[in-house]
Amino acid sequence: MWCVGLFVMWCGASQPAPIPDTYCQIAKPIYWAASDTRATKEQVDTHNRVWKRLCRKNKP
């Protein structure tokens, strides 16, 4: 039993750590529809302002 646990720990340690995504790598502007509620449109506008402030300079 001890050998199996050691083998599992050794195999797990050899895998590289995942690379975390940054907000600007995964975020995109959101578009609202005319049928959306005012609250939804405000949330979309808030997201888009944050995206512009943080990410637009990094986009072509």
N, C-alpha and C. Protein backbone atom coordinates (compact mmCIF):
# COMPACT_ATOMS: atom_id res chain seq x y z
N MET A 1 0.83 -1.19 0.00
CA MET A 1 0.00 0.00 0.00
C MET A 1 0.88 1.25 0.00
N TRP A 2 1.96 1.23 0.76
CA TRP A 2 2.84 2.39 0.85
C TRP A 2 3.48 2.68 -0.49
N CYS A 3 3.89 1.65 -1.23
CA CYS A 3 4.54 1.82 -2.53
C CYS A 3 3.59 2.43 -3.53
N VAL A 4 2.34 2.05 -3.52
CA VAL A 4 1.35 2.60 -4.44
C VAL A 4 1.18 4.09 -4.18
N GLY A 5 1.09 4.48 -2.94
CA GLY A 5 0.95 5.90 -2.61
C GLY A 5 2.14 6.71 -3.04
N LEU A 6 3.33 6.17 -2.87
CA LEU A 6 4.55 6.86 -3.29
C LEU A 6 4.59 7.00 -4.80
N PHE A 7 4.20 5.96 -5.52
CA PHE A 7 4.18 6.00 -6.98
C PHE A 7 3.20 7.06 -7.48
N VAL A 8 2.02 7.15 -6.90
CA VAL A 8 1.02 8.14 -7.30
C VAL A 8 1.55 9.54 -7.04
N MET A 9 2.18 9.76 -5.90
CA MET A 9 2.74 11.08 -5.60
C MET A 9 3.83 11.43 -6.59
N TRP A 10 4.68 10.48 -6.95
CA TRP A 10 5.77 10.74 -7.87
C TRP A 10 5.23 11.07 -9.26
N CYS A 11 4.21 10.36 -9.72
CA CYS A 11 3.63 10.61 -11.05
C CYS A 11 2.94 11.98 -11.08
N GLY A 12 2.26 12.32 -10.03
CA GLY A 12 1.57 13.61 -10.00
C GLY A 12 2.53 14.78 -9.99
N ALA A 13 3.69 14.62 -9.40
CA ALA A 13 4.65 15.72 -9.31
C ALA A 13 5.33 16.00 -10.64
N SER A 14 5.34 15.04 -11.56
CA SER A 14 6.04 15.23 -12.82
C SER A 14 5.22 16.01 -13.84
N GLN A 15 3.95 16.23 -13.60
CA GLN A 15 3.10 16.96 -14.54
C GLN A 15 3.28 18.46 -14.34
N PRO A 16 3.37 19.24 -15.43
CA PRO A 16 3.52 20.68 -15.28
C PRO A 16 2.24 21.32 -14.72
N ALA A 17 2.44 22.40 -14.02
CA ALA A 17 1.29 23.12 -13.47
C ALA A 17 0.53 23.80 -14.60
N PRO A 18 -0.80 23.86 -14.53
CA PRO A 18 -1.55 24.53 -15.59
C PRO A 18 -1.26 26.03 -15.60
N ILE A 19 -1.27 26.61 -16.77
CA ILE A 19 -1.03 28.04 -16.90
C ILE A 19 -2.37 28.77 -16.73
N PRO A 20 -2.47 29.65 -15.75
CA PRO A 20 -3.74 30.34 -15.52
C PRO A 20 -4.02 31.36 -16.63
N ASP A 21 -5.29 31.48 -17.00
CA ASP A 21 -5.69 32.50 -17.97
C ASP A 21 -5.83 33.83 -17.27
N THR A 22 -5.47 34.88 -17.96
CA THR A 22 -5.70 36.21 -17.41
C THR A 22 -7.06 36.69 -17.91
N TYR A 23 -7.58 37.69 -17.26
CA TYR A 23 -8.88 38.25 -17.64
C TYR A 23 -8.89 38.64 -19.11
N CYS A 24 -7.85 39.29 -19.57
CA CYS A 24 -7.82 39.79 -20.95
C CYS A 24 -7.67 38.67 -21.97
N GLN A 25 -7.19 37.51 -21.57
CA GLN A 25 -7.11 36.38 -22.49
C GLN A 25 -8.47 35.73 -22.69
N ILE A 26 -9.34 35.84 -21.72
CA ILE A 26 -10.63 35.15 -21.81
C ILE A 26 -11.82 36.08 -21.97
N ALA A 27 -11.68 37.35 -21.62
CA ALA A 27 -12.81 38.28 -21.68
C ALA A 27 -12.97 38.86 -23.08
N LYS A 28 -14.22 39.12 -23.45
CA LYS A 28 -14.54 39.76 -24.71
C LYS A 28 -15.69 40.73 -24.45
N PRO A 29 -15.83 41.74 -25.30
CA PRO A 29 -16.98 42.63 -25.15
C PRO A 29 -18.29 41.86 -25.29
N ILE A 30 -19.30 42.33 -24.62
CA ILE A 30 -20.63 41.70 -24.66
C ILE A 30 -21.58 42.68 -25.35
N TYR A 31 -22.49 42.14 -26.12
CA TYR A 31 -23.49 42.97 -26.80
C TYR A 31 -24.86 42.63 -26.24
N TRP A 32 -25.68 43.65 -26.03
CA TRP A 32 -27.01 43.40 -25.52
C TRP A 32 -28.02 43.50 -26.67
N ALA A 33 -29.18 42.94 -26.44
CA ALA A 33 -30.26 42.97 -27.41
C ALA A 33 -31.31 43.99 -26.97
N ALA A 34 -32.07 44.47 -27.91
CA ALA A 34 -33.11 45.45 -27.60
C ALA A 34 -34.12 44.90 -26.61
N SER A 35 -34.31 43.58 -26.60
CA SER A 35 -35.27 42.97 -25.69
C SER A 35 -34.73 42.77 -24.27
N ASP A 36 -33.44 43.02 -24.03
CA ASP A 36 -32.87 42.89 -22.69
C ASP A 36 -33.42 43.96 -21.76
N THR A 37 -33.44 43.63 -20.46
CA THR A 37 -33.92 44.61 -19.48
C THR A 37 -32.87 45.69 -19.28
N ARG A 38 -33.28 46.80 -18.70
CA ARG A 38 -32.35 47.91 -18.43
C ARG A 38 -31.23 47.43 -17.51
N ALA A 39 -31.58 46.60 -16.51
CA ALA A 39 -30.56 46.09 -15.58
C ALA A 39 -29.52 45.26 -16.31
N THR A 40 -29.95 44.44 -17.25
CA THR A 40 -29.01 43.63 -18.03
C THR A 40 -28.11 44.53 -18.87
N LYS A 41 -28.69 45.54 -19.50
CA LYS A 41 -27.90 46.47 -20.32
C LYS A 41 -26.86 47.20 -19.47
N GLU A 42 -27.23 47.58 -18.25
CA GLU A 42 -26.28 48.25 -17.37
C GLU A 42 -25.13 47.32 -16.97
N GLN A 43 -25.45 46.05 -16.71
CA GLN A 43 -24.40 45.09 -16.37
C GLN A 43 -23.46 44.86 -17.55
N VAL A 44 -24.01 44.79 -18.75
CA VAL A 44 -23.19 44.64 -19.95
C VAL A 44 -22.29 45.86 -20.12
N ASP A 45 -22.86 47.05 -19.95
CA ASP A 45 -22.07 48.28 -20.08
C ASP A 45 -20.94 48.33 -19.05
N THR A 46 -21.21 47.88 -17.83
CA THR A 46 -20.18 47.84 -16.80
C THR A 46 -19.06 46.88 -17.19
N HIS A 47 -19.42 45.70 -17.65
CA HIS A 47 -18.41 44.73 -18.10
C HIS A 47 -17.57 45.32 -19.22
N ASN A 48 -18.21 45.95 -20.20
CA ASN A 48 -17.49 46.49 -21.34
C ASN A 48 -16.56 47.63 -20.96
N ARG A 49 -16.96 48.45 -19.99
CA ARG A 49 -16.07 49.51 -19.51
C ARG A 49 -14.82 48.92 -18.86
N VAL A 50 -15.00 47.88 -18.06
CA VAL A 50 -13.85 47.22 -17.43
C VAL A 50 -12.97 46.62 -18.51
N TRP A 51 -13.55 45.94 -19.48
CA TRP A 51 -12.78 45.33 -20.56
C TRP A 51 -11.96 46.39 -21.31
N LYS A 52 -12.61 47.52 -21.64
CA LYS A 52 -11.89 48.59 -22.35
C LYS A 52 -10.72 49.12 -21.53
N ARG A 53 -10.96 49.34 -20.24
CA ARG A 53 -9.93 49.90 -19.38
C ARG A 53 -8.74 48.95 -19.22
N LEU A 54 -9.01 47.65 -19.08
CA LEU A 54 -7.94 46.70 -18.80
C LEU A 54 -7.32 46.07 -20.05
N CYS A 55 -8.11 45.90 -21.10
CA CYS A 55 -7.67 45.02 -22.18
C CYS A 55 -7.55 45.69 -23.55
N ARG A 56 -8.21 46.77 -23.78
CA ARG A 56 -8.23 47.33 -25.13
C ARG A 56 -6.84 47.69 -25.61
N LYS A 57 -5.99 48.19 -24.72
CA LYS A 57 -4.63 48.56 -25.12
C LYS A 57 -3.83 47.34 -25.54
N ASN A 58 -4.26 46.13 -25.07
CA ASN A 58 -3.55 44.90 -25.41
C ASN A 58 -4.08 44.24 -26.67
N LYS A 59 -5.19 44.72 -27.19
CA LYS A 59 -5.80 44.12 -28.38
C LYS A 59 -5.40 44.94 -29.61
N PRO A 60 -5.32 44.26 -30.77
CA PRO A 60 -4.98 45.00 -32.00
C PRO A 60 -6.08 45.93 -32.43
